Each structure stands twice: as C-alpha cells, then as structure tokens.
Amino acid sequence: MGAVLQIDVDGAIVMLPWPAEGAERRRVVRMAVGGSADAAVYHRRTQLHVHGNGQSERLSMNLSAWVLASVWRGVEITYGLYGTVVVTGPQLAALDESMAREVRAVCVAVAEVRAEWVVRQPAGEWQARAELLAAAVMAWRRSAEGGAAACL
C-alpha cells in the first residue's frame, strides 16, 4: 500500500490519509500546505506539493524538503521551498514504498545533522549546505539499496 507524506518545516514526517477521489486528494494537499499548492517534479516517480506563495507569505524554509529536492535533482537547487511540503506519486498518486523510504531516510539525515549543530555549529552557510547534502546523499543511497536501517 502506498503512502503520502507531509514534511513539516521542523523536519517531522506525517503520513497523510489519502482519499480515492482526485478532488479530495487536492483538498488534502491544500489543507496540508495551508493554501494553494504548486506541484514540482524533482524525481520522475514523485511530486512535491509546496505552498504557491510560501516565500512571499514569509513561511519558514523547509530545509528537509529543500535537501530532498536537491538530492533527487542531483544538484543543489538555488531557491528555497517554504512551508509544509506534501510528497505524492505522479499525478497525485500515492508514493510507492521505495520512494517513501527515500523521503524518510533523507529527512532523518537532515534531522541528525541539525541535532549535531546544537553543540557544533557549521563554519558557514556554504559548509552547512555541503554537510547537509553529503549526509542526505549517503542516507539516500542506503535507502535506495533497500537499507531499511537507514530509515529508523
């Protein structure tokens, strides 16, 4: 059975109930992101649904979603993703388990790095981005190999 995951700005992951009808699915996405949602494709088997006006409304940057999008794109994206993000399969389908595992693994890696920063701050912004992306790529590779331990 597939899942649809919500990534909160604090990095928490929530599995959303996913209705059968398309109109209800769009409503769930709108409610989760807090307004109109734009869909973005960073991986051919997923869509990231982000608040359509998140930066202008001064929503917090979603660091976990930004790292996930960068890892899937294979390059650091040059813009932020703001507010709560919903990850679905293509065209509002549910995620398959391997993609849900990748989302979880990357979000856990970001949370671990952020926890380290409580006692050891990064040297600068560039170094922080590099550290986050390196940790996330390692976790993503483990999850892609089927390493369920990467997602605990």
Protein backbone atom coordinates (compact mmCIF):
# COMPACT_ATOMS: atom_id res chain seq x y z
CA MET A 1 0.00 0.00 0.00
CA GLY A 2 1.30 3.44 -0.90
CA ALA A 3 1.72 6.43 1.33
CA VAL A 4 1.57 10.19 1.02
CA LEU A 5 3.99 12.04 3.26
CA GLN A 6 3.90 15.54 4.70
CA ILE A 7 7.24 17.16 5.57
CA ASP A 8 6.85 19.87 8.18
CA VAL A 9 9.29 22.78 8.39
CA ASP A 10 10.82 21.25 11.52
CA GLY A 11 11.58 18.07 9.55
CA ALA A 12 8.82 15.96 11.06
CA ILE A 13 7.21 13.49 8.67
CA VAL A 14 3.49 12.74 8.83
CA MET A 15 1.68 10.07 6.81
CA LEU A 16 -1.48 11.60 5.42
CA PRO A 17 -4.78 9.80 4.86
CA TRP A 18 -5.19 9.53 1.11
CA PRO A 19 -8.72 9.50 -0.36
CA ALA A 20 -9.64 7.71 -3.56
CA GLU A 21 -11.02 10.73 -5.45
CA GLY A 22 -8.85 13.36 -7.15
CA ALA A 23 -10.83 16.35 -5.83
CA GLU A 24 -10.48 15.08 -2.25
CA ARG A 25 -6.77 14.48 -2.78
CA ARG A 26 -6.30 18.09 -3.93
CA ARG A 27 -8.21 19.25 -0.84
CA VAL A 28 -5.91 17.22 1.44
CA VAL A 29 -2.85 18.80 -0.22
CA ARG A 30 -4.30 22.33 0.09
CA MET A 31 -5.11 21.77 3.76
CA ALA A 32 -1.65 20.35 4.48
CA VAL A 33 0.31 23.17 2.80
CA GLY A 34 -2.05 25.85 4.10
CA GLY A 35 -3.23 27.29 0.80
CA SER A 36 -2.95 26.88 -2.93
CA ALA A 37 -0.30 24.34 -3.86
CA ASP A 38 2.15 24.17 -6.73
CA ALA A 39 3.40 20.75 -7.82
CA ALA A 40 7.07 20.34 -8.65
CA VAL A 41 8.86 17.32 -10.09
CA TYR A 42 12.33 16.58 -8.73
CA HIS A 43 12.12 12.82 -9.29
CA ARG A 44 10.14 11.13 -12.03
CA ARG A 45 8.29 8.95 -9.51
CA THR A 46 7.20 11.78 -7.19
CA GLN A 47 5.72 15.24 -6.95
CA LEU A 48 6.46 17.78 -4.23
CA HIS A 49 3.49 19.99 -3.46
CA VAL A 50 4.54 23.33 -1.98
CA HIS A 51 2.64 26.43 -0.90
CA GLY A 52 2.06 28.52 -4.00
CA ASN A 53 3.11 31.74 -2.30
CA GLY A 54 5.17 30.50 0.64
CA GLN A 55 8.15 32.80 0.35
CA SER A 56 6.02 35.92 -0.12
CA GLU A 57 3.91 34.95 2.87
CA ARG A 58 7.14 34.60 4.85
CA LEU A 59 6.66 30.94 5.66
CA SER A 60 9.71 29.22 7.12
CA MET A 61 12.06 27.47 4.74
CA ASN A 62 11.57 23.72 4.67
CA LEU A 63 15.18 22.59 4.91
CA SER A 64 14.38 18.87 4.74
CA ALA A 65 12.29 19.30 1.58
CA TRP A 66 14.99 21.52 0.02
CA VAL A 67 17.65 18.89 0.70
CA LEU A 68 15.38 16.12 -0.65
CA ALA A 69 14.70 18.07 -3.85
CA SER A 70 18.41 18.80 -4.28
CA VAL A 71 19.36 15.14 -3.78
CA TRP A 72 16.75 13.98 -6.26
CA ARG A 73 17.74 16.65 -8.77
CA GLY A 74 21.41 15.74 -8.36
CA VAL A 75 22.42 19.36 -7.84
CA GLU A 76 21.87 21.93 -5.12
CA ILE A 77 18.77 23.87 -6.10
CA THR A 78 19.26 27.61 -5.91
CA TYR A 79 15.93 28.51 -4.33
CA GLY A 80 14.14 27.54 -1.15
CA LEU A 81 10.99 25.55 -0.55
CA TYR A 82 8.78 27.26 2.02
CA GLY A 83 6.19 25.90 4.41
CA THR A 84 4.86 22.39 4.74
CA VAL A 85 5.51 20.15 1.73
CA VAL A 86 3.47 17.13 0.64
CA VAL A 87 5.18 14.34 -1.29
CA THR A 88 2.99 12.22 -3.57
CA GLY A 89 3.48 9.98 -6.52
CA PRO A 90 2.95 11.36 -10.03
CA GLN A 91 -0.43 12.97 -10.68
CA LEU A 92 -1.48 12.76 -7.03
CA ALA A 93 -0.98 9.00 -6.79
CA ALA A 94 0.30 7.51 -3.55
CA LEU A 95 4.06 7.03 -3.16
CA ASP A 96 5.40 3.55 -3.60
CA GLU A 97 7.27 2.17 -0.59
CA SER A 98 10.75 2.68 -2.06
CA MET A 99 10.11 6.39 -2.63
CA ALA A 100 8.59 6.78 0.85
CA ARG A 101 11.73 5.11 2.24
CA GLU A 102 13.92 7.65 0.40
CA VAL A 103 11.91 10.57 1.79
CA ARG A 104 12.19 9.23 5.33
CA ALA A 105 15.91 8.49 5.02
CA VAL A 106 16.78 11.98 3.77
CA CYS A 107 14.63 13.67 6.43
CA VAL A 108 16.26 11.57 9.18
CA ALA A 109 19.73 12.52 7.87
CA VAL A 110 18.81 16.22 7.90
CA ALA A 111 17.44 15.92 11.45
CA GLU A 112 20.66 14.23 12.62
CA VAL A 113 22.85 16.97 11.15
CA ARG A 114 20.64 19.68 12.65
CA ALA A 115 20.89 17.97 16.04
CA GLU A 116 24.71 18.00 15.77
CA TRP A 117 24.60 21.73 15.08
CA VAL A 118 23.16 22.32 18.54
CA VAL A 119 26.59 21.57 20.00
CA ARG A 120 28.78 22.21 16.95
CA GLN A 121 27.81 24.99 14.60
CA PRO A 122 28.88 24.76 10.96
CA ALA A 123 31.72 27.00 9.84
CA GLY A 124 29.44 28.93 7.49
CA GLU A 125 26.42 28.72 5.22
CA TRP A 126 28.26 27.05 2.35
CA GLN A 127 29.71 24.43 4.69
CA ALA A 128 26.30 23.85 6.26
CA ARG A 129 24.70 23.20 2.88
CA ALA A 130 27.55 20.88 1.90
CA GLU A 131 27.27 18.94 5.17
CA LEU A 132 23.51 18.53 4.84
CA LEU A 133 23.72 17.40 1.24
CA ALA A 134 26.55 14.93 1.90
CA ALA A 135 24.70 13.32 4.81
CA ALA A 136 21.47 13.17 2.80
CA VAL A 137 23.13 11.62 -0.26
CA MET A 138 24.65 8.89 1.90
CA ALA A 139 21.27 8.15 3.51
CA TRP A 140 19.52 8.27 0.14
CA ARG A 141 21.96 5.77 -1.37
CA ARG A 142 21.48 3.39 1.57
CA SER A 143 17.70 3.65 1.26
CA ALA A 144 17.81 3.14 -2.50
CA GLU A 145 19.74 -0.08 -1.89
CA GLY A 146 16.86 -1.23 0.28
CA GLY A 147 18.58 -0.40 3.55
CA ALA A 148 15.61 -0.20 5.87
CA ALA A 149 18.03 0.56 8.71
CA ALA A 150 18.64 3.98 7.12
CA CYS A 151 15.04 4.92 7.86
CA LEU A 152 14.81 4.05 11.55
